[in-house]
Amino acid sequence: MSWRRLRVLIQHLPPESATWTALRNATPEADLAAQADKGEPEKGRWSQQEQLLAAAVDAIRRLEWVLICVNVDKKSKRPDPPEPMRRPGTGPRKKTAKLTEKSAGRLFELLQGGAA
């Protein structure tokens, strides 16, 4: 069997095959970030049906979160929004940094012209 024939066989395996799963799991973070920046999910390894199912799961999770937020006391701490289902070519969502008193003070100084 030639290398070309092997490549063609691997490329036409179903996306849920053990081979593609191993290849996706072995993808470095830099490659995942580059693929996520392209933003072309139609070129991913999931079928259109799987993409639609993931979108439906994300919508249900979001609706459940909204329902919880609406029915919790206003003074209570609300839960964090749900993580979207991980798609091929994207890494987990990064947490945003919280603004502390020290960083807020520094930001205020910079906005007032203290960055000389």
PDB file of N, CA and C in Angstrom:
ATOM      1  N   MET A   1       0.848  -1.178   0.000  1.00  0.00           N
ATOM      2  CA  MET A   1       0.000   0.000   0.000  1.00  0.00           C
ATOM      3  C   MET A   1       0.897   1.247   0.000  1.00  0.00           C
ATOM      4  N   SER A   2       0.546   2.188  -0.828  1.00  0.00           N
ATOM      5  CA  SER A   2       1.347   3.410  -0.900  1.00  0.00           C
ATOM      6  C   SER A   2       0.949   4.362   0.234  1.00  0.00           C
ATOM      7  N   TRP A   3       1.818   5.358   0.500  1.00  0.00           N
ATOM      8  CA  TRP A   3       1.529   6.361   1.528  1.00  0.00           C
ATOM      9  C   TRP A   3       0.310   7.189   1.133  1.00  0.00           C
ATOM     10  N   ARG A   4       0.184   7.435  -0.158  1.00  0.00           N
ATOM     11  CA  ARG A   4      -0.969   8.207  -0.636  1.00  0.00           C
ATOM     12  C   ARG A   4      -2.268   7.463  -0.364  1.00  0.00           C
ATOM     13  N   ARG A   5      -2.273   6.176  -0.642  1.00  0.00           N
ATOM     14  CA  ARG A   5      -3.469   5.364  -0.410  1.00  0.00           C
ATOM     15  C   ARG A   5      -3.828   5.340   1.081  1.00  0.00           C
ATOM     16  N   LEU A   6      -2.827   5.217   1.948  1.00  0.00           N
ATOM     17  CA  LEU A   6      -3.056   5.232   3.394  1.00  0.00           C
ATOM     18  C   LEU A   6      -3.655   6.563   3.838  1.00  0.00           C
ATOM     19  N   ARG A   7      -3.107   7.670   3.311  1.00  0.00           N
ATOM     20  CA  ARG A   7      -3.625   8.999   3.642  1.00  0.00           C
ATOM     21  C   ARG A   7      -5.083   9.131   3.223  1.00  0.00           C
ATOM     22  N   VAL A   8      -5.423   8.673   2.036  1.00  0.00           N
ATOM     23  CA  VAL A   8      -6.803   8.748   1.539  1.00  0.00           C
ATOM     24  C   VAL A   8      -7.728   7.922   2.426  1.00  0.00           C
ATOM     25  N   LEU A   9      -7.290   6.740   2.827  1.00  0.00           N
ATOM     26  CA  LEU A   9      -8.119   5.907   3.699  1.00  0.00           C
ATOM     27  C   LEU A   9      -8.368   6.579   5.044  1.00  0.00           C
ATOM     28  N   ILE A  10      -7.323   7.175   5.620  1.00  0.00           N
ATOM     29  CA  ILE A  10      -7.470   7.851   6.916  1.00  0.00           C
ATOM     30  C   ILE A  10      -8.378   9.073   6.782  1.00  0.00           C
ATOM     31  N   GLN A  11      -8.227   9.835   5.709  1.00  0.00           N
ATOM     32  CA  GLN A  11      -9.044  11.034   5.523  1.00  0.00           C
ATOM     33  C   GLN A  11     -10.526  10.707   5.386  1.00  0.00           C
ATOM     34  N   HIS A  12     -10.850   9.518   4.908  1.00  0.00           N
ATOM     35  CA  HIS A  12     -12.246   9.161   4.696  1.00  0.00           C
ATOM     36  C   HIS A  12     -12.837   8.323   5.830  1.00  0.00           C
ATOM     37  N   LEU A  13     -12.099   8.206   6.936  1.00  0.00           N
ATOM     38  CA  LEU A  13     -12.670   7.551   8.108  1.00  0.00           C
ATOM     39  C   LEU A  13     -13.746   8.454   8.702  1.00  0.00           C
ATOM     40  N   PRO A  14     -14.728   7.890   9.390  1.00  0.00           N
ATOM     41  CA  PRO A  14     -15.740   8.737  10.026  1.00  0.00           C
ATOM     42  C   PRO A  14     -15.106   9.563  11.154  1.00  0.00           C
ATOM     43  N   PRO A  15     -15.652  10.759  11.432  1.00  0.00           N
ATOM     44  CA  PRO A  15     -15.042  11.630  12.432  1.00  0.00           C
ATOM     45  C   PRO A  15     -14.993  11.030  13.831  1.00  0.00           C
ATOM     46  N   GLU A  16     -15.872  10.099  14.151  1.00  0.00           N
ATOM     47  CA  GLU A  16     -15.875   9.510  15.488  1.00  0.00           C
ATOM     48  C   GLU A  16     -14.962   8.290  15.607  1.00  0.00           C
ATOM     49  N   SER A  17     -14.198   7.990  14.557  1.00  0.00           N
ATOM     50  CA  SER A  17     -13.306   6.828  14.599  1.00  0.00           C
ATOM     51  C   SER A  17     -12.187   7.042  15.620  1.00  0.00           C
ATOM     52  N   ALA A  18     -11.616   5.929  16.066  1.00  0.00           N
ATOM     53  CA  ALA A  18     -10.538   6.001  17.053  1.00  0.00           C
ATOM     54  C   ALA A  18      -9.323   6.747  16.500  1.00  0.00           C
ATOM     55  N   THR A  19      -9.061   6.599  15.214  1.00  0.00           N
ATOM     56  CA  THR A  19      -7.915   7.275  14.595  1.00  0.00           C
ATOM     57  C   THR A  19      -8.085   8.783  14.646  1.00  0.00           C
ATOM     58  N   TRP A  20      -9.252   9.296  14.216  1.00  0.00           N
ATOM     59  CA  TRP A  20      -9.478  10.748  14.222  1.00  0.00           C
ATOM     60  C   TRP A  20      -9.539  11.291  15.641  1.00  0.00           C
ATOM     61  N   THR A  21     -10.100  10.526  16.555  1.00  0.00           N
ATOM     62  CA  THR A  21     -10.148  10.962  17.951  1.00  0.00           C
ATOM     63  C   THR A  21      -8.736  11.101  18.508  1.00  0.00           C
ATOM     64  N   ALA A  22      -7.880  10.142  18.227  1.00  0.00           N
ATOM     65  CA  ALA A  22      -6.495  10.212  18.692  1.00  0.00           C
ATOM     66  C   ALA A  22      -5.764  11.400  18.061  1.00  0.00           C
ATOM     67  N   LEU A  23      -5.999  11.645  16.771  1.00  0.00           N
ATOM     68  CA  LEU A  23      -5.363  12.782  16.108  1.00  0.00           C
ATOM     69  C   LEU A  23      -5.840  14.104  16.695  1.00  0.00           C
ATOM     70  N   ARG A  24      -7.142  14.227  16.975  1.00  0.00           N
ATOM     71  CA  ARG A  24      -7.677  15.458  17.573  1.00  0.00           C
ATOM     72  C   ARG A  24      -7.120  15.669  18.966  1.00  0.00           C
ATOM     73  N   ASN A  25      -7.036  14.591  19.756  1.00  0.00           N
ATOM     74  CA  ASN A  25      -6.538  14.715  21.123  1.00  0.00           C
ATOM     75  C   ASN A  25      -5.046  15.030  21.170  1.00  0.00           C
ATOM     76  N   ALA A  26      -4.315  14.693  20.122  1.00  0.00           N
ATOM     77  CA  ALA A  26      -2.874  14.945  20.084  1.00  0.00           C
ATOM     78  C   ALA A  26      -2.533  16.306  19.468  1.00  0.00           C
ATOM     79  N   THR A  27      -3.541  17.058  19.050  1.00  0.00           N
ATOM     80  CA  THR A  27      -3.286  18.356  18.419  1.00  0.00           C
ATOM     81  C   THR A  27      -2.780  19.349  19.458  1.00  0.00           C
ATOM     82  N   PRO A  28      -1.641  20.028  19.202  1.00  0.00           N
ATOM     83  CA  PRO A  28      -1.108  20.996  20.157  1.00  0.00           C
ATOM     84  C   PRO A  28      -2.020  22.222  20.310  1.00  0.00           C
ATOM     85  N   GLU A  29      -1.876  22.919  21.440  1.00  0.00           N
ATOM     86  CA  GLU A  29      -2.701  24.098  21.737  1.00  0.00           C
ATOM     87  C   GLU A  29      -2.539  25.179  20.668  1.00  0.00           C
ATOM     88  N   ALA A  30      -1.330  25.360  20.152  1.00  0.00           N
ATOM     89  CA  ALA A  30      -1.099  26.401  19.140  1.00  0.00           C
ATOM     90  C   ALA A  30      -1.910  26.117  17.875  1.00  0.00           C
ATOM     91  N   ASP A  31      -1.950  24.849  17.471  1.00  0.00           N
ATOM     92  CA  ASP A  31      -2.738  24.484  16.290  1.00  0.00           C
ATOM     93  C   ASP A  31      -4.230  24.659  16.542  1.00  0.00           C
ATOM     94  N   LEU A  32      -4.682  24.315  17.764  1.00  0.00           N
ATOM     95  CA  LEU A  32      -6.087  24.510  18.103  1.00  0.00           C
ATOM     96  C   LEU A  32      -6.457  25.983  18.041  1.00  0.00           C
ATOM     97  N   ALA A  33      -5.572  26.843  18.565  1.00  0.00           N
ATOM     98  CA  ALA A  33      -5.840  28.283  18.552  1.00  0.00           C
ATOM     99  C   ALA A  33      -5.879  28.799  17.114  1.00  0.00           C
ATOM    100  N   ALA A  34      -4.977  28.322  16.265  1.00  0.00           N
ATOM    101  CA  ALA A  34      -4.964  28.763  14.873  1.00  0.00           C
ATOM    102  C   ALA A  34      -6.237  28.317  14.148  1.00  0.00           C
ATOM    103  N   GLN A  35      -6.681  27.105  14.419  1.00  0.00           N
ATOM    104  CA  GLN A  35      -7.910  26.621  13.795  1.00  0.00           C
ATOM    105  C   GLN A  35      -9.124  27.378  14.315  1.00  0.00           C
ATOM    106  N   ALA A  36      -9.120  27.723  15.592  1.00  0.00           N
ATOM    107  CA  ALA A  36     -10.249  28.465  16.167  1.00  0.00           C
ATOM    108  C   ALA A  36     -10.325  29.870  15.588  1.00  0.00           C
ATOM    109  N   ASP A  37      -9.166  30.475  15.301  1.00  0.00           N
ATOM    110  CA  ASP A  37      -9.154  31.822  14.729  1.00  0.00           C
ATOM    111  C   ASP A  37      -9.726  31.846  13.318  1.00  0.00           C
ATOM    112  N   LYS A  38      -9.571  30.762  12.590  1.00  0.00           N
ATOM    113  CA  LYS A  38     -10.104  30.712  11.226  1.00  0.00           C
ATOM    114  C   LYS A  38     -11.628  30.777  11.230  1.00  0.00           C
ATOM    115  N   GLY A  39     -12.243  30.177  12.242  1.00  0.00           N
ATOM    116  CA  GLY A  39     -13.690  30.247  12.382  1.00  0.00           C
ATOM    117  C   GLY A  39     -14.456  29.657  11.218  1.00  0.00           C
ATOM    118  N   GLU A  40     -14.058  28.508  10.724  1.00  0.00           N
ATOM    119  CA  GLU A  40     -14.752  27.858   9.622  1.00  0.00           C
ATOM    120  C   GLU A  40     -15.239  26.488  10.074  1.00  0.00           C
ATOM    121  N   PRO A  41     -16.313  26.435  10.892  1.00  0.00           N
ATOM    122  CA  PRO A  41     -16.756  25.129  11.391  1.00  0.00           C
ATOM    123  C   PRO A  41     -17.229  24.185  10.294  1.00  0.00           C
ATOM    124  N   GLU A  42     -17.625  24.740   9.147  1.00  0.00           N
ATOM    125  CA  GLU A  42     -18.067  23.856   8.064  1.00  0.00           C
ATOM    126  C   GLU A  42     -16.925  23.023   7.509  1.00  0.00           C
ATOM    127  N   LYS A  43     -15.675  23.412   7.794  1.00  0.00           N
ATOM    128  CA  LYS A  43     -14.530  22.633   7.341  1.00  0.00           C
ATOM    129  C   LYS A  43     -14.027  21.679   8.415  1.00  0.00           C
ATOM    130  N   GLY A  44     -14.731  21.615   9.544  1.00  0.00           N
ATOM    131  CA  GLY A  44     -14.344  20.735  10.640  1.00  0.00           C
ATOM    132  C   GLY A  44     -14.606  19.280  10.313  1.00  0.00           C
ATOM    133  N   ARG A  45     -14.236  18.417  11.228  1.00  0.00           N
ATOM    134  CA  ARG A  45     -14.388  16.981  11.022  1.00  0.00           C
ATOM    135  C   ARG A  45     -15.761  16.479  11.449  1.00  0.00           C
ATOM    136  N   TRP A  46     -16.602  17.345  12.035  1.00  0.00           N
ATOM    137  CA  TRP A  46     -17.941  16.919  12.395  1.00  0.00           C
ATOM    138  C   TRP A  46     -18.853  17.084  11.199  1.00  0.00           C
ATOM    139  N   SER A  47     -19.854  16.236  11.129  1.00  0.00           N
ATOM    140  CA  SER A  47     -20.842  16.373  10.065  1.00  0.00           C
ATOM    141  C   SER A  47     -21.777  17.530  10.412  1.00  0.00           C
ATOM    142  N   GLN A  48     -22.572  17.946   9.444  1.00  0.00           N
ATOM    143  CA  GLN A  48     -23.529  19.037   9.675  1.00  0.00           C
ATOM    144  C   GLN A  48     -24.510  18.642  10.776  1.00  0.00           C
ATOM    145  N   GLN A  49     -24.907  17.385  10.809  1.00  0.00           N
ATOM    146  CA  GLN A  49     -25.841  16.904  11.828  1.00  0.00           C
ATOM    147  C   GLN A  49     -25.234  17.037  13.225  1.00  0.00           C
ATOM    148  N   GLU A  50     -23.968  16.686  13.367  1.00  0.00           N
ATOM    149  CA  GLU A  50     -23.312  16.789  14.665  1.00  0.00           C
ATOM    150  C   GLU A  50     -23.155  18.248  15.092  1.00  0.00           C
ATOM    151  N   GLN A  51     -22.859  19.136  14.143  1.00  0.00           N
ATOM    152  CA  GLN A  51     -22.761  20.563  14.454  1.00  0.00           C
ATOM    153  C   GLN A  51     -24.103  21.100  14.942  1.00  0.00           C
ATOM    154  N   LEU A  52     -25.193  20.721  14.276  1.00  0.00           N
ATOM    155  CA  LEU A  52     -26.528  21.169  14.681  1.00  0.00           C
ATOM    156  C   LEU A  52     -26.901  20.617  16.050  1.00  0.00           C
ATOM    157  N   LEU A  53     -26.540  19.374  16.320  1.00  0.00           N
ATOM    158  CA  LEU A  53     -26.827  18.786  17.621  1.00  0.00           C
ATOM    159  C   LEU A  53     -26.050  19.514  18.725  1.00  0.00           C
ATOM    160  N   ALA A  54     -24.792  19.840  18.467  1.00  0.00           N
ATOM    161  CA  ALA A  54     -24.005  20.579  19.451  1.00  0.00           C
ATOM    162  C   ALA A  54     -24.607  21.965  19.692  1.00  0.00           C
ATOM    163  N   ALA A  55     -25.093  22.617  18.642  1.00  0.00           N
ATOM    164  CA  ALA A  55     -25.731  23.923  18.792  1.00  0.00           C
ATOM    165  C   ALA A  55     -27.006  23.803  19.628  1.00  0.00           C
ATOM    166  N   ALA A  56     -27.762  22.736  19.416  1.00  0.00           N
ATOM    167  CA  ALA A  56     -28.979  22.525  20.198  1.00  0.00           C
ATOM    168  C   ALA A  56     -28.646  22.280  21.674  1.00  0.00           C
ATOM    169  N   VAL A  57     -27.607  21.505  21.940  1.00  0.00           N
ATOM    170  CA  VAL A  57     -27.182  21.258  23.321  1.00  0.00           C
ATOM    171  C   VAL A  57     -26.757  22.570  23.976  1.00  0.00           C
ATOM    172  N   ASP A  58     -25.993  23.391  23.263  1.00  0.00           N
ATOM    173  CA  ASP A  58     -25.578  24.683  23.806  1.00  0.00           C
ATOM    174  C   ASP A  58     -26.780  25.572  24.104  1.00  0.00           C
ATOM    175  N   ALA A  59     -27.776  25.569  23.217  1.00  0.00           N
ATOM    176  CA  ALA A  59     -28.968  26.394  23.428  1.00  0.00           C
ATOM    177  C   ALA A  59     -29.752  25.918  24.652  1.00  0.00           C
ATOM    178  N   ILE A  60     -29.861  24.609  24.827  1.00  0.00           N
ATOM    179  CA  ILE A  60     -30.576  24.071  25.984  1.00  0.00           C
ATOM    180  C   ILE A  60     -29.844  24.419  27.272  1.00  0.00           C
ATOM    181  N   ARG A  61     -28.523  24.277  27.271  1.00  0.00           N
ATOM    182  CA  ARG A  61     -27.735  24.643  28.458  1.00  0.00           C
ATOM    183  C   ARG A  61     -27.896  26.122  28.789  1.00  0.00           C
ATOM    184  N   ARG A  62     -27.897  26.959  27.753  1.00  0.00           N
ATOM    185  CA  ARG A  62     -28.055  28.400  27.961  1.00  0.00           C
ATOM    186  C   ARG A  62     -29.443  28.731  28.511  1.00  0.00           C
ATOM    187  N   LEU A  63     -30.487  28.081  27.970  1.00  0.00           N
ATOM    188  CA  LEU A  63     -31.843  28.301  28.468  1.00  0.00           C
ATOM    189  C   LEU A  63     -31.986  27.855  29.918  1.00  0.00           C
ATOM    190  N   GLU A  64     -31.372  26.742  30.256  1.00  0.00           N
ATOM    191  CA  GLU A  64     -31.412  26.260  31.635  1.00  0.00           C
ATOM    192  C   GLU A  64     -30.731  27.271  32.559  1.00  0.00           C
ATOM    193  N   TRP A  65     -29.604  27.828  32.132  1.00  0.00           N
ATOM    194  CA  TRP A  65     -28.872  28.819  32.917  1.00  0.00           C
ATOM    195  C   TRP A  65     -29.711  30.083  33.101  1.00  0.00           C
ATOM    196  N   VAL A  66     -30.369  30.529  32.026  1.00  0.00           N
ATOM    197  CA  VAL A  66     -31.220  31.721  32.117  1.00  0.00           C
ATOM    198  C   VAL A  66     -32.370  31.463  33.080  1.00  0.00           C
ATOM    199  N   LEU A  67     -32.978  30.288  33.016  1.00  0.00           N
ATOM    200  CA  LEU A  67     -34.071  29.942  33.909  1.00  0.00           C
ATOM    201  C   LEU A  67     -33.620  29.965  35.366  1.00  0.00           C
ATOM    202  N   ILE A  68     -32.453  29.442  35.636  1.00  0.00           N
ATOM    203  CA  ILE A  68     -31.915  29.463  37.000  1.00  0.00           C
ATOM    204  C   ILE A  68     -31.667  30.898  37.446  1.00  0.00           C
ATOM    205  N   CYS A  69     -31.071  31.714  36.575  1.00  0.00           N
ATOM    206  CA  CYS A  69     -30.769  33.104  36.929  1.00  0.00           C
ATOM    207  C   CYS A  69     -32.038  33.908  37.201  1.00  0.00           C
ATOM    208  N   VAL A  70     -33.094  33.643  36.454  1.00  0.00           N
ATOM    209  CA  VAL A  70     -34.347  34.378  36.632  1.00  0.00           C
ATOM    210  C   VAL A  70     -35.021  34.003  37.950  1.00  0.00           C
ATOM    211  N   ASN A  71     -34.884  32.764  38.363  1.00  0.00           N
ATOM    212  CA  ASN A  71     -35.591  32.281  39.550  1.00  0.00           C
ATOM    213  C   ASN A  71     -34.767  32.302  40.830  1.00  0.00           C
ATOM    214  N   VAL A  72     -33.582  32.857  40.799  1.00  0.00           N
ATOM    215  CA  VAL A  72     -32.762  32.940  42.007  1.00  0.00           C
ATOM    216  C   VAL A  72     -32.956  34.333  42.621  1.00  0.00           C
ATOM    217  N   ASP A  73     -32.773  34.430  43.924  1.00  0.00           N
ATOM    218  CA  ASP A  73     -32.899  35.735  44.587  1.00  0.00           C
ATOM    219  C   ASP A  73     -31.934  36.736  43.984  1.00  0.00           C
ATOM    220  N   LYS A  74     -32.341  37.998  43.984  1.00  0.00           N
ATOM    221  CA  LYS A  74     -31.494  39.032  43.405  1.00  0.00           C
ATOM    222  C   LYS A  74     -30.199  39.206  44.188  1.00  0.00           C
ATOM    223  N   LYS A  75     -30.235  38.925  45.467  1.00  0.00           N
ATOM    224  CA  LYS A  75     -29.044  39.100  46.308  1.00  0.00           C
ATOM    225  C   LYS A  75     -28.127  37.882  46.277  1.00  0.00           C
ATOM    226  N   SER A  76     -28.609  36.768  45.763  1.00  0.00           N
ATOM    227  CA  SER A  76     -27.808  35.547  45.708  1.00  0.00           C
ATOM    228  C   SER A  76     -26.804  35.611  44.565  1.00  0.00           C
ATOM    229  N   LYS A  77     -25.752  34.825  44.712  1.00  0.00           N
ATOM    230  CA  LYS A  77     -24.752  34.738  43.647  1.00  0.00           C
ATOM    231  C   LYS A  77     -25.306  33.869  42.517  1.00  0.00           C
ATOM    232  N   ARG A  78     -25.222  34.370  41.331  1.00  0.00           N
ATOM    233  CA  ARG A  78     -25.722  33.624  40.172  1.00  0.00           C
ATOM    234  C   ARG A  78     -24.632  32.689  39.650  1.00  0.00           C
ATOM    235  N   PRO A  79     -25.041  31.569  39.079  1.00  0.00           N
ATOM    236  CA  PRO A  79     -24.038  30.634  38.542  1.00  0.00           C
ATOM    237  C   PRO A  79     -23.357  31.209  37.301  1.00  0.00           C
ATOM    238  N   ASP A  80     -22.184  30.678  37.020  1.00  0.00           N
ATOM    239  CA  ASP A  80     -21.463  31.077  35.806  1.00  0.00           C
ATOM    240  C   ASP A  80     -22.205  30.564  34.583  1.00  0.00           C
ATOM    241  N   PRO A  81     -22.090  31.280  33.458  1.00  0.00           N
ATOM    242  CA  PRO A  81     -22.734  30.776  32.240  1.00  0.00           C
ATOM    243  C   PRO A  81     -22.124  29.437  31.819  1.00  0.00           C
ATOM    244  N   PRO A  82     -22.893  28.602  31.143  1.00  0.00           N
ATOM    245  CA  PRO A  82     -22.391  27.273  30.780  1.00  0.00           C
ATOM    246  C   PRO A  82     -21.310  27.349  29.706  1.00  0.00           C
ATOM    247  N   GLU A  83     -20.421  26.388  29.773  1.00  0.00           N
ATOM    248  CA  GLU A  83     -19.385  26.256  28.749  1.00  0.00           C
ATOM    249  C   GLU A  83     -20.019  25.694  27.481  1.00  0.00           C
ATOM    250  N   PRO A  84     -19.689  26.243  26.311  1.00  0.00           N
ATOM    251  CA  PRO A  84     -20.213  25.633  25.088  1.00  0.00           C
ATOM    252  C   PRO A  84     -19.566  24.263  24.852  1.00  0.00           C
ATOM    253  N   MET A  85     -20.286  23.403  24.170  1.00  0.00           N
ATOM    254  CA  MET A  85     -19.755  22.085  23.850  1.00  0.00           C
ATOM    255  C   MET A  85     -18.518  22.261  22.971  1.00  0.00           C
ATOM    256  N   ARG A  86     -17.471  21.560  23.311  1.00  0.00           N
ATOM    257  CA  ARG A  86     -16.217  21.701  22.564  1.00  0.00           C
ATOM    258  C   ARG A  86     -16.362  21.115  21.172  1.00  0.00           C
ATOM    259  N   ARG A  87     -15.983  21.903  20.191  1.00  0.00           N
ATOM    260  CA  ARG A  87     -16.041  21.465  18.796  1.00  0.00           C
ATOM    261  C   ARG A  87     -14.636  21.147  18.299  1.00  0.00           C
ATOM    262  N   PRO A  88     -14.532  20.388  17.208  1.00  0.00           N
ATOM    263  CA  PRO A  88     -13.203  20.134  16.642  1.00  0.00           C
ATOM    264  C   PRO A  88     -12.548  21.432  16.217  1.00  0.00           C
ATOM    265  N   GLY A  89     -11.282  21.571  16.528  1.00  0.00           N
ATOM    266  CA  GLY A  89     -10.541  22.759  16.118  1.00  0.00           C
ATOM    267  C   GLY A  89     -10.628  23.914  17.090  1.00  0.00           C
ATOM    268  N   THR A  90     -11.264  23.712  18.235  1.00  0.00           N
ATOM    269  CA  THR A  90     -11.328  24.780  19.225  1.00  0.00           C
ATOM    270  C   THR A  90     -10.917  24.235  20.572  1.00  0.00           C
ATOM    271  N   GLY A  91     -10.263  25.065  21.342  1.00  0.00           N
ATOM    272  CA  GLY A  91      -9.872  24.689  22.690  1.00  0.00           C
ATOM    273  C   GLY A  91     -10.933  25.115  23.686  1.00  0.00           C
ATOM    274  N   PRO A  92     -10.742  24.784  24.950  1.00  0.00           N
ATOM    275  CA  PRO A  92     -11.704  25.228  25.951  1.00  0.00           C
ATOM    276  C   PRO A  92     -11.687  26.747  26.090  1.00  0.00           C
ATOM    277  N   ARG A  93     -12.823  27.319  26.485  1.00  0.00           N
ATOM    278  CA  ARG A  93     -12.937  28.767  26.624  1.00  0.00           C
ATOM    279  C   ARG A  93     -12.038  29.255  27.746  1.00  0.00           C
ATOM    280  N   LYS A  94     -11.330  30.341  27.501  1.00  0.00           N
ATOM    281  CA  LYS A  94     -10.431  30.901  28.501  1.00  0.00           C
ATOM    282  C   LYS A  94     -11.221  31.780  29.457  1.00  0.00           C
ATOM    283  N   LYS A  95     -10.834  31.716  30.720  1.00  0.00           N
ATOM    284  CA  LYS A  95     -11.478  32.540  31.736  1.00  0.00           C
ATOM    285  C   LYS A  95     -10.994  33.980  31.594  1.00  0.00           C
ATOM    286  N   THR A  96     -11.900  34.918  31.799  1.00  0.00           N
ATOM    287  CA  THR A  96     -11.517  36.327  31.760  1.00  0.00           C
ATOM    288  C   THR A  96     -11.004  36.735  33.132  1.00  0.00           C
ATOM    289  N   ALA A  97     -10.043  37.626  33.131  1.00  0.00           N
ATOM    290  CA  ALA A  97      -9.445  38.078  34.379  1.00  0.00           C
ATOM    291  C   ALA A  97     -10.420  38.983  35.133  1.00  0.00           C
ATOM    292  N   LYS A  98     -10.438  38.834  36.451  1.00  0.00           N
ATOM    293  CA  LYS A  98     -11.283  39.667  37.298  1.00  0.00           C
ATOM    294  C   LYS A  98     -10.540  40.958  37.615  1.00  0.00           C
ATOM    295  N   LEU A  99     -11.280  42.050  37.721  1.00  0.00           N
ATOM    296  CA  LEU A  99     -10.694  43.347  38.028  1.00  0.00           C
ATOM    297  C   LEU A  99     -10.572  43.473  39.539  1.00  0.00           C
ATOM    298  N   THR A 100      -9.329  43.542  40.043  1.00  0.00           N
ATOM    299  CA  THR A 100      -9.090  43.674  41.476  1.00  0.00           C
ATOM    300  C   THR A 100      -8.976  45.156  41.826  1.00  0.00           C
ATOM    301  N   GLU A 101      -8.930  45.440  43.126  1.00  0.00           N
ATOM    302  CA  GLU A 101      -8.794  46.831  43.591  1.00  0.00           C
ATOM    303  C   GLU A 101      -7.488  47.449  43.088  1.00  0.00           C
ATOM    304  N   LYS A 102      -6.421  46.662  43.147  1.00  0.00           N
ATOM    305  CA  LYS A 102      -5.112  47.167  42.722  1.00  0.00           C
ATOM    306  C   LYS A 102      -5.109  47.479  41.226  1.00  0.00           C
ATOM    307  N   SER A 103      -5.633  46.542  40.420  1.00  0.00           N
ATOM    308  CA  SER A 103      -5.650  46.781  38.978  1.00  0.00           C
ATOM    309  C   SER A 103      -6.638  47.883  38.612  1.00  0.00           C
ATOM    310  N   ALA A 104      -7.728  48.007  39.367  1.00  0.00           N
ATOM    311  CA  ALA A 104      -8.682  49.095  39.114  1.00  0.00           C
ATOM    312  C   ALA A 104      -8.029  50.446  39.410  1.00  0.00           C
ATOM    313  N   GLY A 105      -7.251  50.508  40.498  1.00  0.00           N
ATOM    314  CA  GLY A 105      -6.540  51.746  40.826  1.00  0.00           C
ATOM    315  C   GLY A 105      -5.521  52.095  39.754  1.00  0.00           C
ATOM    316  N   ARG A 106      -4.794  51.114  39.285  1.00  0.00           N
ATOM    317  CA  ARG A 106      -3.801  51.344  38.225  1.00  0.00           C
ATOM    318  C   ARG A 106      -4.480  51.809  36.946  1.00  0.00           C
ATOM    319  N   LEU A 107      -5.612  51.208  36.599  1.00  0.00           N
ATOM    320  CA  LEU A 107      -6.355  51.603  35.416  1.00  0.00           C
ATOM    321  C   LEU A 107      -6.841  53.048  35.546  1.00  0.00           C
ATOM    322  N   PHE A 108      -7.315  53.404  36.733  1.00  0.00           N
ATOM    323  CA  PHE A 108      -7.775  54.764  36.968  1.00  0.00           C
ATOM    324  C   PHE A 108      -6.627  55.752  36.787  1.00  0.00           C
ATOM    325  N   GLU A 109      -5.449  55.416  37.305  1.00  0.00           N
ATOM    326  CA  GLU A 109      -4.278  56.288  37.150  1.00  0.00           C
ATOM    327  C   GLU A 109      -3.918  56.459  35.677  1.00  0.00           C
ATOM    328  N   LEU A 110      -3.959  55.367  34.922  1.00  0.00           N
ATOM    329  CA  LEU A 110      -3.626  55.449  33.506  1.00  0.00           C
ATOM    330  C   LEU A 110      -4.641  56.311  32.741  1.00  0.00           C
ATOM    331  N   LEU A 111      -5.907  56.186  33.096  1.00  0.00           N
ATOM    332  CA  LEU A 111      -6.937  56.974  32.428  1.00  0.00           C
ATOM    333  C   LEU A 111      -6.837  58.453  32.786  1.00  0.00           C
ATOM    334  N   GLN A 112      -6.294  58.758  33.941  1.00  0.00           N
ATOM    335  CA  GLN A 112      -6.151  60.153  34.362  1.00  0.00           C
ATOM    336  C   GLN A 112      -4.852  60.779  33.877  1.00  0.00           C
ATOM    337  N   GLY A 113      -4.125  60.066  33.045  1.00  0.00           N
ATOM    338  CA  GLY A 113      -2.885  60.614  32.473  1.00  0.00           C
ATOM    339  C   GLY A 113      -1.653  60.286  33.270  1.00  0.00           C
ATOM    340  N   GLY A 114      -1.688  59.268  34.088  1.00  0.00           N
ATOM    341  CA  GLY A 114      -0.546  58.894  34.924  1.00  0.00           C
ATOM    342  C   GLY A 114       0.445  57.985  34.235  1.00  0.00           C
ATOM    343  N   ALA A 115       0.342  57.792  32.953  1.00  0.00           N
ATOM    344  CA  ALA A 115       1.236  56.893  32.240  1.00  0.00           C
ATOM    345  C   ALA A 115       2.355  57.676  31.569  1.00  0.00           C
ATOM    346  N   ALA A 116       3.093  58.399  32.344  1.00  0.00           N
ATOM    347  CA  ALA A 116       4.160  59.241  31.791  1.00  0.00           C
ATOM    348  C   ALA A 116       5.448  58.482  31.633  1.00  0.00           C
TER     349      ALA A 116
END
